[in-house]
């Protein structure tokens, strides 16, 4: 028998036993009797190291890294993917159980949400919620592989995908990510749990709602929740499903500026006019004067593209209540943009998965995302070695801690 470890492969003989008290004369090894290595003959430490570096490097790079560390090939890229996927499903199952338990517990209720919040008061308390979605290139269902490609090649993340016979656009893989500010002022990353195929087992809003209840169910006063996000409709649907229509939403200043620039590039007659218009528009949007900007667009701008001109006016009118006095809020020392969640999406998904030539299926992409969330939320030690994490006061010497 061979056990794969951080120190290489260990070869030894294992004596087999027969339980004479059992009616079925089935041989069992020492590992069967002690409950060790129930699935694969790979030590938990080697699996943990593989999973950690798989969230940072390609599976082939992880394969090569382990060869350099242990002196011999121990983990194939396919096996590395399987370790990641299995652990993500295991974590998801615990999240699903906890979410359902929380939402169905009559003793824990969702906190009341404060309706009126002075978002410009530097001393007023706020609980920030940030949400965004990130997409990666989807993998084609019917890819044409070269004959030399082995059948056990990793299916869920292709670092160097072969050319397809037909250039068909593959559907993107989306992952919704939220950041919830906790009582200790730190942010917790939240994603939905998944099954083996990468499908959500609990809806994203339900997962977010459960975490809000677990963190704030004992609040005596209404919770002053403020959400900062872009203009995506689906994000508002998520947030309203959790917090209700009384939720205060601030339109992210960066996305507002980006949207205005993109549309004005199609509206203005030339670059000179565009520069003049943008100077006026940004000056007034920075202080929340939406009506002034809409009036300017309707009376002073001669559009090259009337359709885009109307789109910009409708966009500003639609988000009128979410466009604030950004200058005043920034002066108060409070957050005005969703830079945190933009960086968070890159940490969870983008840095590892949005590289040239990569394509993904839902299971492959979201499994890596779940493991990254576990690391960023400082849950890694507990999820891999719960008994040791509970007994040790010092952090475990795991790969994720290095």
Protein backbone atom coordinates (compact mmCIF):
# COMPACT_ATOMS: atom_id res chain seq x y z
CA UNK A 1 0.00 0.00 0.00
CA UNK A 2 1.19 3.53 -0.77
CA UNK A 3 0.30 6.66 1.20
CA UNK A 4 0.99 10.02 -0.46
CA UNK A 5 2.28 12.64 1.99
CA UNK A 6 4.01 16.03 2.14
CA UNK A 7 7.28 14.11 2.48
CA UNK A 8 6.78 11.87 -0.53
CA UNK A 9 5.29 8.43 -0.92
CA UNK A 10 5.42 5.91 1.89
CA UNK A 11 5.26 2.26 0.87
CA UNK A 12 4.42 -0.42 3.41
CA UNK A 13 2.41 -3.55 3.93
CA UNK A 14 -0.88 -3.43 5.81
CA UNK A 15 -2.10 -6.51 7.59
CA UNK A 16 -5.70 -7.43 6.92
CA UNK A 17 -8.13 -8.73 9.53
CA UNK A 18 -11.39 -10.67 9.62
CA UNK A 19 -13.99 -9.93 12.27
CA UNK A 20 -15.15 -13.37 13.41
CA UNK A 21 -18.16 -11.84 15.18
CA UNK A 22 -19.43 -10.50 11.88
CA UNK A 23 -21.63 -12.79 9.83
CA UNK A 24 -20.03 -11.45 6.68
CA UNK A 25 -16.40 -12.56 6.49
CA UNK A 26 -15.10 -9.33 5.01
CA UNK A 27 -11.43 -8.52 5.31
CA UNK A 28 -10.53 -5.12 6.73
CA UNK A 29 -7.22 -3.34 6.85
CA UNK A 30 -5.79 -1.37 9.74
CA UNK A 31 -6.93 1.84 8.04
CA UNK A 32 -10.45 0.49 7.66
CA UNK A 33 -10.61 -0.30 11.37
CA UNK A 34 -9.20 3.08 12.44
CA UNK A 35 -11.22 5.13 9.94
CA UNK A 36 -8.14 6.63 8.29
CA UNK A 37 -8.04 7.43 4.57
CA UNK A 38 -11.71 6.58 3.95
CA UNK A 39 -11.66 7.79 0.34
CA UNK A 40 -8.12 8.24 -0.99
CA UNK A 41 -4.66 7.32 0.24
CA UNK A 42 -3.55 10.95 0.39
CA UNK A 43 -2.84 12.56 3.74
CA UNK A 44 -5.09 15.47 4.78
CA UNK A 45 -2.04 17.77 4.91
CA UNK A 46 -1.17 17.06 1.29
CA UNK A 47 -4.80 17.56 0.28
CA UNK A 48 -4.89 20.88 2.16
CA UNK A 49 -1.71 22.07 0.48
CA UNK A 50 -3.05 21.02 -2.92
CA UNK A 51 -6.34 22.84 -2.37
CA UNK A 52 -4.65 26.02 -1.15
CA UNK A 53 -2.29 26.37 -4.09
CA UNK A 54 -5.04 25.39 -6.54
CA UNK A 55 -6.83 28.63 -5.62
CA UNK A 56 -3.74 30.58 -6.67
CA UNK A 57 -2.11 28.58 -9.46
CA UNK A 58 -3.26 26.49 -12.40
CA UNK A 59 -3.73 22.79 -11.71
CA UNK A 60 -0.70 21.92 -13.82
CA UNK A 61 1.40 24.41 -11.86
CA UNK A 62 0.20 22.80 -8.62
CA UNK A 63 1.22 19.40 -10.02
CA UNK A 64 4.72 20.71 -10.75
CA UNK A 65 4.96 22.50 -7.40
CA UNK A 66 4.22 19.33 -5.44
CA UNK A 67 6.83 17.44 -7.47
CA UNK A 68 9.42 20.05 -6.50
CA UNK A 69 8.36 20.02 -2.84
CA UNK A 70 8.15 16.25 -2.33
CA UNK A 71 10.60 14.99 -4.93
CA UNK A 72 8.12 12.91 -6.91
CA UNK A 73 4.83 13.15 -8.77
CA UNK A 74 1.94 12.63 -6.37
CA UNK A 75 -1.05 14.69 -7.50
CA UNK A 76 -2.23 14.89 -11.11
CA UNK A 77 -4.06 17.98 -12.31
CA UNK A 78 -7.24 15.89 -12.44
CA UNK A 79 -6.77 14.76 -8.83
CA UNK A 80 -6.10 18.36 -7.74
CA UNK A 81 -9.37 19.41 -9.34
CA UNK A 82 -11.18 16.55 -7.60
CA UNK A 83 -9.77 17.55 -4.20
CA UNK A 84 -10.95 21.14 -4.75
CA UNK A 85 -14.40 20.10 -5.93
CA UNK A 86 -14.93 17.58 -3.13
CA UNK A 87 -13.91 20.08 -0.45
CA UNK A 88 -16.12 22.81 -1.94
CA UNK A 89 -19.11 20.45 -1.89
CA UNK A 90 -18.30 19.46 1.69
CA UNK A 91 -18.14 23.12 2.74
CA UNK A 92 -21.33 23.83 0.81
CA UNK A 93 -23.20 21.06 2.60
CA UNK A 94 -22.29 22.55 5.97
CA UNK A 95 -23.36 26.01 4.75
CA UNK A 96 -26.63 24.60 3.46
CA UNK A 97 -27.37 22.85 6.75
CA UNK A 98 -26.54 25.94 8.78
CA UNK A 99 -28.55 28.25 6.50
CA UNK A 100 -31.67 26.07 6.63
CA UNK A 101 -31.34 25.73 10.41
CA UNK A 102 -31.03 29.49 10.87
CA UNK A 103 -33.91 30.42 8.59
CA UNK A 104 -36.21 27.86 10.24
CA UNK A 105 -35.28 28.65 13.84
CA UNK A 106 -38.27 30.43 15.45
CA UNK A 107 -36.04 31.85 18.18
CA UNK A 108 -33.91 33.76 15.69
CA UNK A 109 -35.64 36.51 13.76
CA UNK A 110 -34.39 38.87 11.10
CA UNK A 111 -33.47 42.25 12.63
CA UNK A 112 -35.62 45.27 11.90
CA UNK A 113 -34.04 47.56 9.32
CA UNK A 114 -33.68 51.27 10.10
CA UNK A 115 -35.49 53.40 7.54
CA UNK A 116 -33.96 56.85 8.17
CA UNK A 117 -30.16 57.05 8.28
CA UNK A 118 -28.06 60.21 8.15
CA UNK A 119 -25.50 58.99 5.65
CA UNK A 120 -23.53 62.24 6.00
CA UNK A 121 -23.11 62.11 9.78
CA UNK A 122 -19.55 60.97 10.57
CA UNK A 123 -20.68 59.66 13.98
CA UNK A 124 -23.75 57.70 12.88
CA UNK A 125 -23.47 53.92 12.83
CA UNK A 126 -23.78 52.04 9.56
CA UNK A 127 -23.71 48.36 8.63
CA UNK A 128 -22.38 48.22 5.09
CA UNK A 129 -23.42 45.58 2.57
CA UNK A 130 -21.63 45.35 -0.77
CA UNK A 131 -22.61 43.07 -3.63
CA UNK A 132 -21.34 42.44 -7.12
CA UNK A 133 -21.19 39.66 -9.68
CA UNK A 134 -18.16 38.49 -11.61
CA UNK A 135 -18.13 36.39 -14.75
CA UNK A 136 -15.53 34.17 -16.34
CA UNK A 137 -15.42 32.63 -19.77
CA UNK A 138 -17.60 29.55 -19.96
CA UNK A 139 -16.41 26.25 -21.34
CA UNK A 140 -18.10 24.89 -24.45
CA UNK A 141 -20.17 21.77 -23.92
CA UNK A 142 -18.98 20.09 -27.11
CA UNK A 143 -15.35 20.89 -27.51
CA UNK A 144 -13.32 19.19 -30.20
CA UNK A 145 -10.19 17.77 -28.55
CA UNK A 146 -7.03 16.64 -30.22
CA UNK A 147 -6.64 12.88 -30.32
CA UNK A 148 -3.54 13.06 -28.18
CA UNK A 149 -5.39 14.58 -25.26
CA UNK A 150 -5.89 12.00 -22.53
CA UNK A 151 -9.36 11.17 -21.27
CA UNK A 152 -8.40 12.04 -17.70
CA UNK A 153 -7.47 15.61 -18.59
CA UNK A 154 -9.09 18.18 -16.32
CA UNK A 155 -12.56 18.98 -17.65
CA UNK A 156 -13.63 21.85 -15.46
CA UNK A 157 -10.74 24.28 -16.01
CA UNK A 158 -8.87 24.34 -19.27
CA UNK A 159 -5.65 26.28 -19.06
CA UNK A 160 -4.85 25.77 -22.77
CA UNK A 161 -8.13 24.83 -24.47
CA UNK A 162 -7.98 23.23 -27.92
CA UNK A 163 -9.46 24.97 -30.92
CA UNK A 164 -13.13 24.28 -31.45
CA UNK A 165 -14.49 23.20 -34.80
CA UNK A 166 -17.04 26.00 -34.77
CA UNK A 167 -16.61 29.41 -33.22
CA UNK A 168 -19.62 29.38 -30.98
CA UNK A 169 -19.79 31.81 -28.10
CA UNK A 170 -19.82 29.89 -24.84
CA UNK A 171 -22.05 31.10 -21.99
CA UNK A 172 -20.26 32.94 -19.21
CA UNK A 173 -20.14 31.55 -15.68
CA UNK A 174 -21.39 34.05 -13.09
CA UNK A 175 -20.70 34.12 -9.35
CA UNK A 176 -22.54 36.50 -7.03
CA UNK A 177 -20.43 37.78 -4.14
CA UNK A 178 -21.46 39.87 -1.15
CA UNK A 179 -19.46 41.46 1.65
CA UNK A 180 -21.27 41.91 4.96
CA UNK A 181 -19.83 44.19 7.63
CA UNK A 182 -19.87 42.40 10.97
CA UNK A 183 -20.02 43.72 14.52
CA UNK A 184 -16.23 43.82 14.73
CA UNK A 185 -16.21 46.08 11.61
CA UNK A 186 -14.55 43.41 9.49
CA UNK A 187 -16.14 42.27 6.22
CA UNK A 188 -17.21 38.69 5.58
CA UNK A 189 -17.37 37.28 2.06
CA UNK A 190 -20.58 35.47 1.16
CA UNK A 191 -21.30 33.16 -1.80
CA UNK A 192 -23.96 30.53 -2.32
CA UNK A 193 -23.28 26.84 -1.58
CA UNK A 194 -23.21 24.45 -4.54
CA UNK A 195 -23.64 20.79 -5.45
CA UNK A 196 -21.26 18.59 -7.47
CA UNK A 197 -22.36 20.26 -10.73
CA UNK A 198 -21.87 23.79 -9.44
CA UNK A 199 -25.57 24.57 -9.03
CA UNK A 200 -26.74 26.54 -5.99
CA UNK A 201 -28.23 24.37 -3.25
CA UNK A 202 -29.38 27.47 -1.35
CA UNK A 203 -30.24 30.73 -3.09
CA UNK A 204 -27.76 33.57 -2.75
CA UNK A 205 -30.31 35.86 -0.99
CA UNK A 206 -31.13 33.11 1.52
CA UNK A 207 -27.46 32.60 2.31
CA UNK A 208 -26.99 36.34 2.85
CA UNK A 209 -30.14 36.56 4.93
CA UNK A 210 -29.02 33.70 7.17
CA UNK A 211 -25.67 35.35 7.82
CA UNK A 212 -27.37 38.65 8.71
CA UNK A 213 -29.59 36.81 11.20
CA UNK A 214 -26.66 34.94 12.73
CA UNK A 215 -24.66 38.12 13.16
CA UNK A 216 -27.37 40.60 14.17
CA UNK A 217 -30.38 38.64 15.49
CA UNK A 218 -29.84 40.02 19.00
CA UNK A 219 -29.90 43.70 17.97
CA UNK A 220 -32.39 45.65 20.07
CA UNK A 221 -32.48 48.73 17.83
CA UNK A 222 -33.24 48.81 14.09
CA UNK A 223 -30.18 47.92 12.05
CA UNK A 224 -28.76 50.87 10.02
CA UNK A 225 -27.95 48.96 6.82
CA UNK A 226 -26.48 50.86 3.87
CA UNK A 227 -25.79 49.07 0.58
CA UNK A 228 -23.30 50.37 -1.97
CA UNK A 229 -23.45 48.79 -5.40
CA UNK A 230 -23.64 49.39 -9.14
CA UNK A 231 -26.82 49.78 -11.16
CA UNK A 232 -27.47 46.09 -11.89
CA UNK A 233 -31.13 45.12 -11.53
CA UNK A 234 -30.44 41.60 -10.25
CA UNK A 235 -28.35 42.96 -7.37
CA UNK A 236 -31.23 45.15 -6.24
CA UNK A 237 -33.55 42.17 -6.42
CA UNK A 238 -31.21 40.26 -4.11
CA UNK A 239 -30.85 43.12 -1.64
CA UNK A 240 -34.56 43.94 -1.51
CA UNK A 241 -35.37 40.24 -1.05
CA UNK A 242 -33.18 40.23 2.06
CA UNK A 243 -33.61 43.69 3.57
CA UNK A 244 -36.90 44.91 2.11
CA UNK A 245 -37.70 48.08 0.20
CA UNK A 246 -36.70 50.32 3.12
CA UNK A 247 -33.04 49.54 2.43
CA UNK A 248 -30.88 52.57 1.65
CA UNK A 249 -28.84 52.00 -1.51
CA UNK A 250 -26.01 54.24 -2.69
CA UNK A 251 -25.07 54.05 -6.36
CA UNK A 252 -21.35 53.49 -6.58
CA UNK A 253 -19.64 56.67 -7.75
CA UNK A 254 -17.15 54.83 -9.97
CA UNK A 255 -19.85 52.93 -11.86
CA UNK A 256 -21.90 56.11 -12.21
CA UNK A 257 -18.96 57.91 -13.80
CA UNK A 258 -18.18 54.96 -16.05
CA UNK A 259 -21.77 54.73 -17.28
CA UNK A 260 -21.93 58.45 -18.01
CA UNK A 261 -18.63 58.41 -19.91
CA UNK A 262 -19.64 55.43 -22.04
CA UNK A 263 -22.96 56.92 -23.05
CA UNK A 264 -21.60 60.43 -23.61
CA UNK A 265 -19.05 58.98 -26.03
CA UNK A 266 -22.01 58.00 -28.22
CA UNK A 267 -24.07 61.12 -27.51
CA UNK A 268 -21.65 64.02 -27.98
CA UNK A 269 -21.00 65.34 -31.48
CA UNK A 270 -17.22 65.36 -31.02
CA UNK A 271 -14.49 65.09 -28.40
CA UNK A 272 -14.52 68.81 -27.62
CA UNK A 273 -18.25 68.83 -26.87
CA UNK A 274 -17.91 65.63 -24.87
CA UNK A 275 -15.25 67.21 -22.65
CA UNK A 276 -17.40 70.29 -22.04
CA UNK A 277 -20.50 68.25 -21.23
CA UNK A 278 -18.68 65.84 -18.93
CA UNK A 279 -17.12 68.67 -16.96
CA UNK A 280 -20.56 70.10 -16.20
CA UNK A 281 -22.20 66.72 -15.57
CA UNK A 282 -19.53 65.37 -13.22
CA UNK A 283 -19.35 68.62 -11.27
CA UNK A 284 -23.05 68.43 -10.43
CA UNK A 285 -23.32 64.65 -10.00
CA UNK A 286 -20.46 64.80 -7.47
CA UNK A 287 -22.72 66.83 -5.20
CA UNK A 288 -25.89 64.86 -6.03
CA UNK A 289 -27.63 67.43 -8.24
CA UNK A 290 -29.37 64.95 -10.52
CA UNK A 291 -32.20 67.26 -11.60
CA UNK A 292 -29.70 69.88 -12.74
CA UNK A 293 -27.88 67.31 -14.86
CA UNK A 294 -31.08 65.93 -16.41
CA UNK A 295 -32.22 69.45 -17.27
CA UNK A 296 -28.83 70.16 -18.84
CA UNK A 297 -29.01 67.00 -20.95
CA UNK A 298 -32.49 67.86 -22.16
CA UNK A 299 -31.80 71.50 -23.01
CA UNK A 300 -28.07 71.93 -23.73
CA UNK A 301 -26.98 68.69 -25.35
CA UNK A 302 -27.62 68.08 -29.05
CA UNK A 303 -27.28 64.30 -29.30
CA UNK A 304 -25.55 62.48 -32.10
CA UNK A 305 -27.42 59.38 -30.97
CA UNK A 306 -30.91 60.24 -29.63
CA UNK A 307 -31.48 56.70 -28.38
CA UNK A 308 -28.40 56.77 -26.14
CA UNK A 309 -29.27 60.30 -25.08
CA UNK A 310 -32.63 59.10 -23.79
CA UNK A 311 -30.98 56.07 -22.19
CA UNK A 312 -28.69 58.30 -20.12
CA UNK A 313 -31.55 60.52 -19.00
CA UNK A 314 -33.63 57.49 -18.01
CA UNK A 315 -30.66 55.97 -16.18
CA UNK A 316 -30.13 59.08 -14.07
CA UNK A 317 -33.83 59.42 -13.36
CA UNK A 318 -34.13 55.75 -12.40
CA UNK A 319 -31.29 56.01 -9.89
CA UNK A 320 -32.16 59.51 -8.72
CA UNK A 321 -32.65 58.43 -5.10
CA UNK A 322 -29.40 56.47 -5.08
CA UNK A 323 -27.16 59.27 -6.39
CA UNK A 324 -26.03 61.14 -3.29
CA UNK A 325 -23.81 64.08 -2.39
CA UNK A 326 -20.60 62.11 -2.76
CA UNK A 327 -18.41 65.06 -1.79
CA UNK A 328 -20.21 65.55 1.50
CA UNK A 329 -20.18 61.85 2.39
CA UNK A 330 -16.49 61.54 1.54
CA UNK A 331 -15.76 64.56 3.71
CA UNK A 332 -17.54 62.73 6.56
CA UNK A 333 -15.04 59.89 6.13
CA UNK A 334 -17.57 57.38 4.85
CA UNK A 335 -17.43 54.97 1.93
CA UNK A 336 -18.76 56.27 -1.39
CA UNK A 337 -17.69 53.51 -3.78
CA UNK A 338 -17.70 49.76 -4.08
CA UNK A 339 -13.96 49.39 -4.44
CA UNK A 340 -13.95 46.85 -1.61
CA UNK A 341 -16.26 44.47 -3.47
CA UNK A 342 -14.44 45.03 -6.77
CA UNK A 343 -11.21 43.96 -5.11
CA UNK A 344 -13.07 41.16 -3.35
CA UNK A 345 -14.37 39.73 -6.63
CA UNK A 346 -10.83 39.74 -7.96
CA UNK A 347 -9.55 37.97 -4.84
CA UNK A 348 -12.26 35.32 -4.95
CA UNK A 349 -12.51 34.70 -8.70
CA UNK A 350 -10.66 37.09 -10.98
CA UNK A 351 -7.03 36.65 -9.97
CA UNK A 352 -7.10 32.88 -10.48
CA UNK A 353 -9.66 32.44 -13.22
CA UNK A 354 -9.57 35.44 -15.56
CA UNK A 355 -6.35 34.65 -17.36
CA UNK A 356 -5.73 34.32 -21.06
CA UNK A 357 -6.91 31.04 -22.52
CA UNK A 358 -8.85 29.86 -19.47
CA UNK A 359 -12.43 28.65 -19.66
CA UNK A 360 -14.61 27.16 -16.96
CA UNK A 361 -17.67 25.20 -16.06
CA UNK A 362 -19.80 26.19 -13.11
CA UNK A 363 -18.48 23.47 -10.81
CA UNK A 364 -14.83 24.27 -11.50
CA UNK A 365 -15.18 28.04 -11.17
CA UNK A 366 -17.45 28.15 -8.15
CA UNK A 367 -15.56 25.44 -6.25
CA UNK A 368 -12.39 27.50 -6.38
CA UNK A 369 -14.41 30.55 -5.34
CA UNK A 370 -15.79 28.77 -2.28
CA UNK A 371 -12.32 27.72 -1.14
CA UNK A 372 -11.05 31.29 -1.57
CA UNK A 373 -13.97 32.58 0.50
CA UNK A 374 -13.07 30.10 3.24
CA UNK A 375 -9.52 31.44 3.29
CA UNK A 376 -10.49 35.11 3.19
CA UNK A 377 -12.98 34.59 6.03
CA UNK A 378 -10.26 32.92 8.15
CA UNK A 379 -12.21 29.65 8.26
CA UNK A 380 -9.59 27.52 6.52
CA UNK A 381 -8.06 25.89 9.59
CA UNK A 382 -11.42 24.95 11.06
CA UNK A 383 -12.74 23.53 7.79
CA UNK A 384 -9.72 21.31 7.17
CA UNK A 385 -8.79 20.25 10.70
CA UNK A 386 -11.67 21.15 13.05
CA UNK A 387 -10.43 19.08 15.99
CA UNK A 388 -6.94 20.54 15.93
CA UNK A 389 -8.21 24.08 15.33
CA UNK A 390 -10.48 23.79 18.37
CA UNK A 391 -7.70 22.53 20.66
CA UNK A 392 -4.76 24.61 19.49
CA UNK A 393 -4.39 28.23 20.55
CA UNK A 394 -1.69 28.80 17.94
CA UNK A 395 -2.54 28.81 14.20
CA UNK A 396 -1.85 25.53 12.44
CA UNK A 397 1.17 25.48 10.09
CA UNK A 398 -1.03 25.09 7.03
CA UNK A 399 -0.30 26.13 3.47
CA UNK A 400 -2.99 28.80 3.69
CA UNK A 401 -1.15 30.39 6.64
CA UNK A 402 2.19 30.61 4.87
